[in-house]
PDB file of N, CA and C in Angstrom:
ATOM      1  N   MET A   1      37.516-117.088 -74.689  1.00  0.00           N
ATOM      2  CA  MET A   1      38.890-117.698 -74.641  1.00  0.00           C
ATOM      3  C   MET A   1      39.854-116.530 -74.633  1.00  0.00           C
ATOM      4  N   THR A   2      40.966-116.843 -73.939  1.00  0.00           N
ATOM      5  CA  THR A   2      41.941-115.686 -73.812  1.00  0.00           C
ATOM      6  C   THR A   2      42.823-115.589 -75.122  1.00  0.00           C
ATOM      7  N   ARG A   3      43.464-114.549 -75.190  1.00  0.00           N
ATOM      8  CA  ARG A   3      44.314-114.402 -76.403  1.00  0.00           C
ATOM      9  C   ARG A   3      45.342-115.456 -76.548  1.00  0.00           C
ATOM     10  N   LYS A   4      45.992-115.893 -75.472  1.00  0.00           N
ATOM     11  CA  LYS A   4      46.922-116.938 -75.400  1.00  0.00           C
ATOM     12  C   LYS A   4      46.531-118.250 -75.906  1.00  0.00           C
ATOM     13  N   SER A   5      45.288-118.500 -75.397  1.00  0.00           N
ATOM     14  CA  SER A   5      44.611-119.764 -75.773  1.00  0.00           C
ATOM     15  C   SER A   5      44.240-119.769 -77.323  1.00  0.00           C
ATOM     16  N   VAL A   6      43.867-118.698 -77.905  1.00  0.00           N
ATOM     17  CA  VAL A   6      43.591-118.606 -79.317  1.00  0.00           C
ATOM     18  C   VAL A   6      44.813-118.798 -80.090  1.00  0.00           C
ATOM     19  N   LEU A   7      45.899-118.106 -79.658  1.00  0.00           N
ATOM     20  CA  LEU A   7      47.229-118.278 -80.327  1.00  0.00           C
ATOM     21  C   LEU A   7      47.699-119.701 -80.272  1.00  0.00           C
ATOM     22  N   LEU A   8      47.659-120.358 -79.073  1.00  0.00           N
ATOM     23  CA  LEU A   8      47.996-121.742 -79.025  1.00  0.00           C
ATOM     24  C   LEU A   8      47.242-122.685 -79.983  1.00  0.00           C
ATOM     25  N   LEU A   9      45.884-122.330 -79.921  1.00  0.00           N
ATOM     26  CA  LEU A   9      45.060-123.195 -80.835  1.00  0.00           C
ATOM     27  C   LEU A   9      45.366-123.051 -82.247  1.00  0.00           C
ATOM     28  N   CYS A  10      45.698-121.717 -82.770  1.00  0.00           N
ATOM     29  CA  CYS A  10      46.049-121.564 -84.113  1.00  0.00           C
ATOM     30  C   CYS A  10      47.366-122.240 -84.470  1.00  0.00           C
ATOM     31  N   PHE A  11      48.404-122.165 -83.512  1.00  0.00           N
ATOM     32  CA  PHE A  11      49.573-122.794 -83.635  1.00  0.00           C
ATOM     33  C   PHE A  11      49.467-124.367 -83.935  1.00  0.00           C
ATOM     34  N   LEU A  12      48.719-124.943 -82.969  1.00  0.00           N
ATOM     35  CA  LEU A  12      48.567-126.328 -83.162  1.00  0.00           C
ATOM     36  C   LEU A  12      47.784-126.787 -84.360  1.00  0.00           C
ATOM     37  N   LEU A  13      46.852-125.953 -84.750  1.00  0.00           N
ATOM     38  CA  LEU A  13      46.076-126.260 -86.071  1.00  0.00           C
ATOM     39  C   LEU A  13      46.966-126.084 -87.070  1.00  0.00           C
ATOM     40  N   SER A  14      47.873-125.264 -87.121  1.00  0.00           N
ATOM     41  CA  SER A  14      48.789-125.013 -88.350  1.00  0.00           C
ATOM     42  C   SER A  14      49.826-126.224 -88.444  1.00  0.00           C
ATOM     43  N   LEU A  15      50.197-126.735 -87.156  1.00  0.00           N
ATOM     44  CA  LEU A  15      51.134-127.901 -87.310  1.00  0.00           C
ATOM     45  C   LEU A  15      50.444-129.068 -87.859  1.00  0.00           C
ATOM     46  N   PHE A  16      49.120-129.228 -87.400  1.00  0.00           N
ATOM     47  CA  PHE A  16      48.241-130.390 -87.643  1.00  0.00           C
ATOM     48  C   PHE A  16      48.059-130.408 -89.288  1.00  0.00           C
ATOM     49  N   MET A  17      47.836-129.268 -89.824  1.00  0.00           N
ATOM     50  CA  MET A  17      47.575-129.019 -91.270  1.00  0.00           C
ATOM     51  C   MET A  17      48.775-129.210 -92.071  1.00  0.00           C
ATOM     52  N   ALA A  18      50.014-128.873 -91.600  1.00  0.00           N
ATOM     53  CA  ALA A  18      51.248-129.196 -92.287  1.00  0.00           C
ATOM     54  C   ALA A  18      51.580-130.533 -92.362  1.00  0.00           C
ATOM     55  N   GLY A  19      51.172-131.376 -91.336  1.00  0.00           N
ATOM     56  CA  GLY A  19      51.465-132.824 -91.418  1.00  0.00           C
ATOM     57  C   GLY A  19      50.545-133.447 -92.381  1.00  0.00           C
ATOM     58  N   CYS A  20      49.483-132.892 -92.730  1.00  0.00           N
ATOM     59  CA  CYS A  20      48.431-133.650 -93.574  1.00  0.00           C
ATOM     60  C   CYS A  20      48.745-133.236 -95.046  1.00  0.00           C
ATOM     61  N   GLU A  21      49.878-132.676 -95.482  1.00  0.00           N
ATOM     62  CA  GLU A  21      50.080-132.295 -96.713  1.00  0.00           C
ATOM     63  C   GLU A  21      50.300-133.454 -97.590  1.00  0.00           C
ATOM     64  N   GLU A  22      49.658-133.611 -98.900  1.00  0.00           N
ATOM     65  CA  GLU A  22      49.727-134.628 -99.812  1.00  0.00           C
ATOM     66  C   GLU A  22      51.086-134.538-100.508  1.00  0.00           C
ATOM     67  N   LYS A  23      51.557-135.828-100.910  1.00  0.00           N
ATOM     68  CA  LYS A  23      52.878-135.883-101.655  1.00  0.00           C
ATOM     69  C   LYS A  23      52.455-135.541-103.148  1.00  0.00           C
ATOM     70  N   PRO A  24      53.347-134.896-103.736  1.00  0.00           N
ATOM     71  CA  PRO A  24      53.106-134.795-105.259  1.00  0.00           C
ATOM     72  C   PRO A  24      52.940-136.167-105.954  1.00  0.00           C
ATOM     73  N   LYS A  25      52.089-136.154-106.964  1.00  0.00           N
ATOM     74  CA  LYS A  25      51.777-137.480-107.677  1.00  0.00           C
ATOM     75  C   LYS A  25      52.865-138.070-108.246  1.00  0.00           C
ATOM     76  N   ASN A  26      53.935-137.437-108.710  1.00  0.00           N
ATOM     77  CA  ASN A  26      55.236-137.937-109.412  1.00  0.00           C
ATOM     78  C   ASN A  26      56.074-138.525-108.376  1.00  0.00           C
ATOM     79  N   GLU A  27      55.789-138.322-107.020  1.00  0.00           N
ATOM     80  CA  GLU A  27      56.764-138.755-105.982  1.00  0.00           C
ATOM     81  C   GLU A  27      56.353-140.193-105.541  1.00  0.00           C
ATOM     82  N   VAL A  28      57.189-141.206-105.690  1.00  0.00           N
ATOM     83  CA  VAL A  28      56.792-142.539-105.342  1.00  0.00           C
ATOM     84  C   VAL A  28      57.726-142.919-104.192  1.00  0.00           C
ATOM     85  N   SER A  29      57.087-143.429-103.183  1.00  0.00           N
ATOM     86  CA  SER A  29      57.828-143.912-102.012  1.00  0.00           C
ATOM     87  C   SER A  29      58.379-145.409-102.200  1.00  0.00           C
ATOM     88  N   GLN A  30      59.593-145.564-102.021  1.00  0.00           N
ATOM     89  CA  GLN A  30      60.015-146.919-102.285  1.00  0.00           C
ATOM     90  C   GLN A  30      60.105-147.593-100.982  1.00  0.00           C
ATOM     91  N   PRO A  31      59.770-148.912-100.901  1.00  0.00           N
ATOM     92  CA  PRO A  31      60.103-149.683 -99.654  1.00  0.00           C
ATOM     93  C   PRO A  31      61.517-149.937 -99.472  1.00  0.00           C
ATOM     94  N   ALA A  32      61.959-149.887 -98.268  1.00  0.00           N
ATOM     95  CA  ALA A  32      63.140-150.096 -97.879  1.00  0.00           C
ATOM     96  C   ALA A  32      63.708-151.391 -98.135  1.00  0.00           C
ATOM     97  N   ALA A  33      64.868-151.581 -98.773  1.00  0.00           N
ATOM     98  CA  ALA A  33      65.328-152.995 -98.900  1.00  0.00           C
ATOM     99  C   ALA A  33      65.698-153.712 -97.681  1.00  0.00           C
ATOM    100  N   SER A  34      65.669-154.965 -97.598  1.00  0.00           N
ATOM    101  CA  SER A  34      66.042-155.633 -96.369  1.00  0.00           C
ATOM    102  C   SER A  34      67.540-155.886 -96.555  1.00  0.00           C
ATOM    103  N   TYR A  35      68.363-156.185 -95.436  1.00  0.00           N
ATOM    104  CA  TYR A  35      69.678-156.334 -95.545  1.00  0.00           C
ATOM    105  C   TYR A  35      70.185-157.420 -94.468  1.00  0.00           C
ATOM    106  N   MET A  36      71.344-158.009 -94.676  1.00  0.00           N
ATOM    107  CA  MET A  36      71.955-158.884 -93.895  1.00  0.00           C
ATOM    108  C   MET A  36      73.396-158.505 -93.719  1.00  0.00           C
ATOM    109  N   ILE A  37      74.075-158.844 -92.690  1.00  0.00           N
ATOM    110  CA  ILE A  37      75.523-158.660 -92.391  1.00  0.00           C
ATOM    111  C   ILE A  37      76.155-159.952 -92.149  1.00  0.00           C
ATOM    112  N   GLY A  38      77.376-160.165 -92.772  1.00  0.00           N
ATOM    113  CA  GLY A  38      77.952-161.524 -92.570  1.00  0.00           C
ATOM    114  C   GLY A  38      79.368-161.659 -93.210  1.00  0.00           C
ATOM    115  N   ILE A  39      79.735-162.682 -93.181  1.00  0.00           N
ATOM    116  CA  ILE A  39      81.246-162.929 -93.661  1.00  0.00           C
ATOM    117  C   ILE A  39      81.177-163.749 -94.979  1.00  0.00           C
ATOM    118  N   ILE A  40      81.920-163.283 -96.030  1.00  0.00           N
ATOM    119  CA  ILE A  40      81.943-164.063 -97.242  1.00  0.00           C
ATOM    120  C   ILE A  40      82.826-165.318 -96.936  1.00  0.00           C
ATOM    121  N   VAL A  41      81.988-166.425 -97.220  1.00  0.00           N
ATOM    122  CA  VAL A  41      82.539-167.800 -97.020  1.00  0.00           C
ATOM    123  C   VAL A  41      83.282-168.469 -98.295  1.00  0.00           C
ATOM    124  N   THR A  42      82.592-168.080 -99.364  1.00  0.00           N
ATOM    125  CA  THR A  42      83.091-168.640-100.743  1.00  0.00           C
ATOM    126  C   THR A  42      82.636-167.849-101.721  1.00  0.00           C
ATOM    127  N   ILE A  43      83.220-167.893-103.055  1.00  0.00           N
ATOM    128  CA  ILE A  43      82.773-167.222-104.057  1.00  0.00           C
ATOM    129  C   ILE A  43      82.737-168.203-105.198  1.00  0.00           C
ATOM    130  N   GLU A  44      81.493-168.401-105.828  1.00  0.00           N
ATOM    131  CA  GLU A  44      81.429-169.349-106.894  1.00  0.00           C
ATOM    132  C   GLU A  44      80.379-168.775-107.853  1.00  0.00           C
ATOM    133  N   ASN A  45      80.750-169.044-109.229  1.00  0.00           N
ATOM    134  CA  ASN A  45      79.786-168.673-110.406  1.00  0.00           C
ATOM    135  C   ASN A  45      79.112-167.363-110.213  1.00  0.00           C
ATOM    136  N   GLY A  46      79.911-166.328-109.855  1.00  0.00           N
ATOM    137  CA  GLY A  46      79.384-164.989-109.851  1.00  0.00           C
ATOM    138  C   GLY A  46      78.539-164.681-108.686  1.00  0.00           C
ATOM    139  N   SER A  47      78.568-165.526-107.599  1.00  0.00           N
ATOM    140  CA  SER A  47      77.758-165.248-106.502  1.00  0.00           C
ATOM    141  C   SER A  47      78.741-165.441-105.182  1.00  0.00           C
ATOM    142  N   LEU A  48      78.380-164.708-104.059  1.00  0.00           N
ATOM    143  CA  LEU A  48      79.094-164.725-102.879  1.00  0.00           C
ATOM    144  C   LEU A  48      78.194-165.615-101.833  1.00  0.00           C
ATOM    145  N   LEU A  49      78.774-166.434-101.064  1.00  0.00           N
ATOM    146  CA  LEU A  49      78.004-167.196-100.023  1.00  0.00           C
ATOM    147  C   LEU A  49      78.415-166.378 -98.836  1.00  0.00           C
ATOM    148  N   VAL A  50      77.454-165.724 -98.160  1.00  0.00           N
ATOM    149  CA  VAL A  50      77.508-164.899 -96.973  1.00  0.00           C
ATOM    150  C   VAL A  50      76.825-165.635 -95.874  1.00  0.00           C
ATOM    151  N   VAL A  51      77.530-165.679 -94.717  1.00  0.00           N
ATOM    152  CA  VAL A  51      77.062-166.337 -93.517  1.00  0.00           C
ATOM    153  C   VAL A  51      77.350-165.367 -92.323  1.00  0.00           C
ATOM    154  N   GLY A  52      76.370-165.168 -91.417  1.00  0.00           N
ATOM    155  CA  GLY A  52      76.665-164.276 -90.321  1.00  0.00           C
ATOM    156  C   GLY A  52      77.570-164.849 -89.347  1.00  0.00           C
ATOM    157  N   ASP A  53      78.355-164.100 -88.691  1.00  0.00           N
ATOM    158  CA  ASP A  53      79.200-164.326 -87.506  1.00  0.00           C
ATOM    159  C   ASP A  53      79.933-165.686 -87.570  1.00  0.00           C
ATOM    160  N   VAL A  54      80.546-165.833 -88.649  1.00  0.00           N
ATOM    161  CA  VAL A  54      81.514-166.940 -88.832  1.00  0.00           C
ATOM    162  C   VAL A  54      82.787-166.666 -88.199  1.00  0.00           C
ATOM    163  N   THR A  55      83.397-167.499 -87.328  1.00  0.00           N
ATOM    164  CA  THR A  55      84.753-167.286 -86.625  1.00  0.00           C
ATOM    165  C   THR A  55      85.765-167.477 -87.703  1.00  0.00           C
ATOM    166  N   GLU A  56      86.937-166.869 -87.614  1.00  0.00           N
ATOM    167  CA  GLU A  56      88.020-166.949 -88.486  1.00  0.00           C
ATOM    168  C   GLU A  56      88.522-168.432 -88.418  1.00  0.00           C
ATOM    169  N   GLU A  57      88.564-169.141 -87.377  1.00  0.00           N
ATOM    170  CA  GLU A  57      88.968-170.574 -87.236  1.00  0.00           C
ATOM    171  C   GLU A  57      88.010-171.422 -87.982  1.00  0.00           C
ATOM    172  N   ASP A  58      86.721-171.206 -87.897  1.00  0.00           N
ATOM    173  CA  ASP A  58      85.769-172.039 -88.752  1.00  0.00           C
ATOM    174  C   ASP A  58      85.962-171.810 -90.241  1.00  0.00           C
ATOM    175  N   LEU A  59      86.160-170.503 -90.509  1.00  0.00           N
ATOM    176  CA  LEU A  59      86.385-170.161 -91.991  1.00  0.00           C
ATOM    177  C   LEU A  59      87.674-170.732 -92.487  1.00  0.00           C
ATOM    178  N   ASN A  60      88.637-171.073 -91.733  1.00  0.00           N
ATOM    179  CA  ASN A  60      89.924-171.620 -92.223  1.00  0.00           C
ATOM    180  C   ASN A  60      89.893-173.136 -92.135  1.00  0.00           C
ATOM    181  N   THR A  61      89.042-173.798 -91.309  1.00  0.00           N
ATOM    182  CA  THR A  61      89.149-175.202 -91.082  1.00  0.00           C
ATOM    183  C   THR A  61      87.817-175.979 -91.580  1.00  0.00           C
ATOM    184  N   LEU A  62      86.676-175.215 -91.795  1.00  0.00           N
ATOM    185  CA  LEU A  62      85.453-176.002 -92.269  1.00  0.00           C
ATOM    186  C   LEU A  62      85.119-175.738 -93.727  1.00  0.00           C
ATOM    187  N   SER A  63      84.432-176.589 -94.413  1.00  0.00           N
ATOM    188  CA  SER A  63      84.057-176.440 -95.700  1.00  0.00           C
ATOM    189  C   SER A  63      82.736-175.465 -95.788  1.00  0.00           C
ATOM    190  N   PRO A  64      82.447-174.765 -96.856  1.00  0.00           N
ATOM    191  CA  PRO A  64      81.303-173.948 -96.869  1.00  0.00           C
ATOM    192  C   PRO A  64      79.952-174.694 -96.416  1.00  0.00           C
ATOM    193  N   GLN A  65      79.734-176.009 -96.832  1.00  0.00           N
ATOM    194  CA  GLN A  65      78.580-176.789 -96.433  1.00  0.00           C
ATOM    195  C   GLN A  65      78.637-177.080 -94.924  1.00  0.00           C
ATOM    196  N   GLU A  66      79.879-177.293 -94.201  1.00  0.00           N
ATOM    197  CA  GLU A  66      80.026-177.513 -92.847  1.00  0.00           C
ATOM    198  C   GLU A  66      79.630-176.134 -92.075  1.00  0.00           C
ATOM    199  N   ILE A  67      80.070-174.979 -92.650  1.00  0.00           N
ATOM    200  CA  ILE A  67      79.723-173.795 -92.041  1.00  0.00           C
ATOM    201  C   ILE A  67      78.231-173.543 -92.149  1.00  0.00           C
ATOM    202  N   ILE A  68      77.596-173.831 -93.080  1.00  0.00           N
ATOM    203  CA  ILE A  68      76.194-173.583 -93.158  1.00  0.00           C
ATOM    204  C   ILE A  68      75.460-174.530 -92.115  1.00  0.00           C
ATOM    205  N   ASP A  69      75.879-175.725 -92.146  1.00  0.00           N
ATOM    206  CA  ASP A  69      75.335-176.765 -91.154  1.00  0.00           C
ATOM    207  C   ASP A  69      75.483-176.225 -89.665  1.00  0.00           C
ATOM    208  N   LYS A  70      76.642-175.856 -89.292  1.00  0.00           N
ATOM    209  CA  LYS A  70      77.000-175.244 -88.069  1.00  0.00           C
ATOM    210  C   LYS A  70      76.303-174.147 -87.641  1.00  0.00           C
ATOM    211  N   TYR A  71      76.217-173.173 -88.628  1.00  0.00           N
ATOM    212  CA  TYR A  71      75.553-171.787 -88.148  1.00  0.00           C
ATOM    213  C   TYR A  71      74.032-171.658 -88.678  1.00  0.00           C
ATOM    214  N   GLN A  72      73.642-172.749 -89.407  1.00  0.00           N
ATOM    215  CA  GLN A  72      72.258-172.695 -89.825  1.00  0.00           C
ATOM    216  C   GLN A  72      71.711-171.408 -90.268  1.00  0.00           C
ATOM    217  N   ASP A  73      72.560-170.838 -91.154  1.00  0.00           N
ATOM    218  CA  ASP A  73      72.536-169.452 -91.619  1.00  0.00           C
ATOM    219  C   ASP A  73      73.140-169.361 -93.005  1.00  0.00           C
ATOM    220  N   GLY A  74      73.006-168.361 -93.729  1.00  0.00           N
ATOM    221  CA  GLY A  74      73.670-168.179 -94.980  1.00  0.00           C
ATOM    222  C   GLY A  74      72.842-167.933 -96.226  1.00  0.00           C
ATOM    223  N   ALA A  75      73.387-167.123 -97.056  1.00  0.00           N
ATOM    224  CA  ALA A  75      72.686-166.858 -98.449  1.00  0.00           C
ATOM    225  C   ALA A  75      73.636-166.631 -99.556  1.00  0.00           C
ATOM    226  N   TRP A  76      73.378-167.226-100.718  1.00  0.00           N
ATOM    227  CA  TRP A  76      74.057-166.936-101.925  1.00  0.00           C
ATOM    228  C   TRP A  76      73.601-165.590-102.387  1.00  0.00           C
ATOM    229  N   CYS A  77      74.523-164.695-102.708  1.00  0.00           N
ATOM    230  CA  CYS A  77      74.207-163.249-103.116  1.00  0.00           C
ATOM    231  C   CYS A  77      74.530-163.288-104.510  1.00  0.00           C
ATOM    232  N   GLY A  78      73.467-163.057-105.307  1.00  0.00           N
ATOM    233  CA  GLY A  78      73.635-162.913-106.791  1.00  0.00           C
ATOM    234  C   GLY A  78      74.007-161.551-107.170  1.00  0.00           C
ATOM    235  N   LEU A  79      75.363-161.374-107.799  1.00  0.00           N
ATOM    236  CA  LEU A  79      75.670-160.093-108.265  1.00  0.00           C
ATOM    237  C   LEU A  79      75.720-160.105-109.844  1.00  0.00           C
ATOM    238  N   LYS A  80      75.588-158.879-110.249  1.00  0.00           N
ATOM    239  CA  LYS A  80      75.573-158.714-111.754  1.00  0.00           C
ATOM    240  C   LYS A  80      76.997-158.379-112.260  1.00  0.00           C
ATOM    241  N   GLY A  81      77.993-158.689-111.566  1.00  0.00           N
ATOM    242  CA  GLY A  81      79.352-158.483-111.894  1.00  0.00           C
ATOM    243  C   GLY A  81      80.084-157.745-110.740  1.00  0.00           C
ATOM    244  N   GLY A  82      81.337-157.600-110.852  1.00  0.00           N
ATOM    245  CA  GLY A  82      82.171-156.957-109.979  1.00  0.00           C
ATOM    246  C   GLY A  82      82.617-157.844-108.712  1.00  0.00           C
ATOM    247  N   ILE A  83      82.597-159.192-108.821  1.00  0.00           N
ATOM    248  CA  ILE A  83      82.927-159.983-107.624  1.00  0.00           C
ATOM    249  C   ILE A  83      84.319-159.889-107.444  1.00  0.00           C
ATOM    250  N   GLU A  84      85.165-159.604-108.326  1.00  0.00           N
ATOM    251  CA  GLU A  84      86.641-159.608-108.207  1.00  0.00           C
ATOM    252  C   GLU A  84      87.032-158.655-107.049  1.00  0.00           C
ATOM    253  N   GLU A  85      86.255-157.750-106.713  1.00  0.00           N
ATOM    254  CA  GLU A  85      86.718-156.683-105.581  1.00  0.00           C
ATOM    255  C   GLU A  85      86.323-157.363-104.237  1.00  0.00           C
ATOM    256  N   PHE A  86      85.765-158.587-104.165  1.00  0.00           N
ATOM    257  CA  PHE A  86      85.430-159.187-102.806  1.00  0.00           C
ATOM    258  C   PHE A  86      86.379-160.331-102.481  1.00  0.00           C
ATOM    259  N   ASN A  87      86.598-160.570-101.309  1.00  0.00           N
ATOM    260  CA  ASN A  87      87.587-161.606-100.975  1.00  0.00           C
ATOM    261  C   ASN A  87      86.876-162.569 -99.808  1.00  0.00           C
ATOM    262  N   ILE A  88      87.241-163.789 -99.748  1.00  0.00           N
ATOM    263  CA  ILE A  88      86.791-164.609 -98.634  1.00  0.00           C
ATOM    264  C   ILE A  88      87.259-164.036 -97.370  1.00  0.00           C
ATOM    265  N   GLY A  89      86.342-164.094 -96.388  1.00  0.00           N
ATOM    266  CA  GLY A  89      86.728-163.628 -95.053  1.00  0.00           C
ATOM    267  C   GLY A  89      86.277-162.086 -94.851  1.00  0.00           C
ATOM    268  N   GLU A  90      85.952-161.447 -95.769  1.00  0.00           N
ATOM    269  CA  GLU A  90      85.523-160.038 -95.652  1.00  0.00           C
ATOM    270  C   GLU A  90      84.115-159.863 -94.968  1.00  0.00           C
ATOM    271  N   LYS A  91      83.818-159.054 -94.060  1.00  0.00           N
ATOM    272  CA  LYS A  91      82.616-158.804 -93.662  1.00  0.00           C
ATOM    273  C   LYS A  91      81.875-157.754 -94.476  1.00  0.00           C
ATOM    274  N   VAL A  92      80.730-158.045 -94.864  1.00  0.00           N
ATOM    275  CA  VAL A  92      79.836-157.162 -95.732  1.00  0.00           C
ATOM    276  C   VAL A  92      78.516-156.973 -95.210  1.00  0.00           C
ATOM    277  N   LYS A  93      77.986-155.881 -95.752  1.00  0.00           N
ATOM    278  CA  LYS A  93      76.575-155.665 -95.495  1.00  0.00           C
ATOM    279  C   LYS A  93      75.823-155.634 -96.877  1.00  0.00           C
ATOM    280  N   VAL A  94      74.733-156.491 -97.048  1.00  0.00           N
ATOM    281  CA  VAL A  94      74.139-156.703 -98.397  1.00  0.00           C
ATOM    282  C   VAL A  94      72.647-156.379 -98.268  1.00  0.00           C
ATOM    283  N   TRP A  95      72.462-155.464 -99.043  1.00  0.00           N
ATOM    284  CA  TRP A  95      70.959-155.087 -99.220  1.00  0.00           C
ATOM    285  C   TRP A  95      70.322-155.807-100.382  1.00  0.00           C
ATOM    286  N   TYR A  96      69.042-156.283-100.221  1.00  0.00           N
ATOM    287  CA  TYR A  96      68.553-157.063-101.216  1.00  0.00           C
ATOM    288  C   TYR A  96      67.084-156.994-101.123  1.00  0.00           C
ATOM    289  N   ASP A  97      66.352-157.182-102.190  1.00  0.00           N
ATOM    290  CA  ASP A  97      64.910-156.945-102.431  1.00  0.00           C
ATOM    291  C   ASP A  97      64.069-158.350-102.515  1.00  0.00           C
ATOM    292  N   THR A  98      64.643-159.393-103.111  1.00  0.00           N
ATOM    293  CA  THR A  98      63.953-160.643-103.033  1.00  0.00           C
ATOM    294  C   THR A  98      64.785-161.737-102.466  1.00  0.00           C
ATOM    295  N   ALA A  99      64.265-162.714-101.896  1.00  0.00           N
ATOM    296  CA  ALA A  99      65.002-163.718-101.194  1.00  0.00           C
ATOM    297  C   ALA A  99      64.275-164.998-101.357  1.00  0.00           C
ATOM    298  N   GLN A 100      64.994-166.186-101.623  1.00  0.00           N
ATOM    299  CA  GLN A 100      64.469-167.460-101.552  1.00  0.00           C
ATOM    300  C   GLN A 100      64.836-168.055-100.184  1.00  0.00           C
ATOM    301  N   LEU A 101      63.820-168.437 -99.413  1.00  0.00           N
ATOM    302  CA  LEU A 101      64.109-168.849 -98.026  1.00  0.00           C
ATOM    303  C   LEU A 101      64.310-170.443 -98.050  1.00  0.00           C
ATOM    304  N   SER A 102      65.615-170.693 -98.333  1.00  0.00           N
ATOM    305  CA  SER A 102      66.119-172.152 -98.149  1.00  0.00           C
ATOM    306  C   SER A 102      67.412-171.973 -97.393  1.00  0.00           C
ATOM    307  N   LEU A 103      68.083-173.225 -97.250  1.00  0.00           N
ATOM    308  CA  LEU A 103      69.318-173.134 -96.530  1.00  0.00           C
ATOM    309  C   LEU A 103      70.501-173.731 -97.302  1.00  0.00           C
ATOM    310  N   PRO A 104      71.308-172.951 -97.839  1.00  0.00           N
ATOM    311  CA  PRO A 104      71.414-171.451 -97.859  1.00  0.00           C
ATOM    312  C   PRO A 104      70.325-170.963 -98.793  1.00  0.00           C
ATOM    313  N   GLY A 105      69.936-169.605 -98.420  1.00  0.00           N
ATOM    314  CA  GLY A 105      68.990-168.931 -99.242  1.00  0.00           C
ATOM    315  C   GLY A 105      69.663-168.421-100.473  1.00  0.00           C
ATOM    316  N   TYR A 106      68.884-167.651-101.268  1.00  0.00           N
ATOM    317  CA  TYR A 106      69.456-167.086-102.641  1.00  0.00           C
ATOM    318  C   TYR A 106      68.733-165.615-102.485  1.00  0.00           C
ATOM    319  N   ILE A 107      69.661-164.507-102.506  1.00  0.00           N
ATOM    320  CA  ILE A 107      69.089-163.139-102.638  1.00  0.00           C
ATOM    321  C   ILE A 107      69.634-162.489-103.919  1.00  0.00           C
ATOM    322  N   GLU A 108      68.710-161.573-104.345  1.00  0.00           N
ATOM    323  CA  GLU A 108      69.113-160.701-105.407  1.00  0.00           C
ATOM    324  C   GLU A 108      69.758-159.444-104.851  1.00  0.00           C
ATOM    325  N   VAL A 109      70.882-159.153-105.025  1.00  0.00           N
ATOM    326  CA  VAL A 109      71.650-157.978-104.380  1.00  0.00           C
ATOM    327  C   VAL A 109      71.208-156.664-104.921  1.00  0.00           C
ATOM    328  N   VAL A 110      70.834-155.658-104.032  1.00  0.00           N
ATOM    329  CA  VAL A 110      70.589-154.401-104.634  1.00  0.00           C
ATOM    330  C   VAL A 110      71.906-153.518-104.343  1.00  0.00           C
ATOM    331  N   GLU A 111      72.491-153.690-103.261  1.00  0.00           N
ATOM    332  CA  GLU A 111      73.777-152.991-103.015  1.00  0.00           C
ATOM    333  C   GLU A 111      74.572-153.814-102.008  1.00  0.00           C
ATOM    334  N   ILE A 112      75.920-153.802-102.213  1.00  0.00           N
ATOM    335  CA  ILE A 112      76.751-154.474-101.158  1.00  0.00           C
ATOM    336  C   ILE A 112      77.936-153.572-100.768  1.00  0.00           C
ATOM    337  N   GLU A 113      78.313-153.656 -99.411  1.00  0.00           N
ATOM    338  CA  GLU A 113      79.247-152.747 -98.890  1.00  0.00           C
ATOM    339  C   GLU A 113      80.280-153.606 -98.047  1.00  0.00           C
ATOM    340  N   ILE A 114      81.436-153.410 -98.166  1.00  0.00           N
ATOM    341  CA  ILE A 114      82.429-154.086 -97.218  1.00  0.00           C
ATOM    342  C   ILE A 114      82.587-153.226 -95.934  1.00  0.00           C
ATOM    343  N   LEU A 115      82.478-153.949 -94.896  1.00  0.00           N
ATOM    344  CA  LEU A 115      82.613-153.188 -93.608  1.00  0.00           C
ATOM    345  C   LEU A 115      83.949-153.279 -93.057  1.00  0.00           C
TER     346      LEU A 115
END
């Protein structure tokens, strides 16, 4: 083997070995939470009803149930407080870790951001 081939082989082997490094035992990898993006349609009993891509016209003229029926989408977002900072019509991104798959669904919020 030529000197260049040996150096290249050593370099590739060191890259391979660096990628095989184990994580420390105290480091736990967390699964990424799922998220949804939508419009706040109504606020009731400490929860936000979020439906994706609702038009402003539908938001102003249809009831929450009519919106759910029309868009076949939506989830009640359970919050542990702080709903007073949210308003109907705001676009939000909601991260959650558990969801009940019904229409509308119910999700346990991990984080919520006004877009």
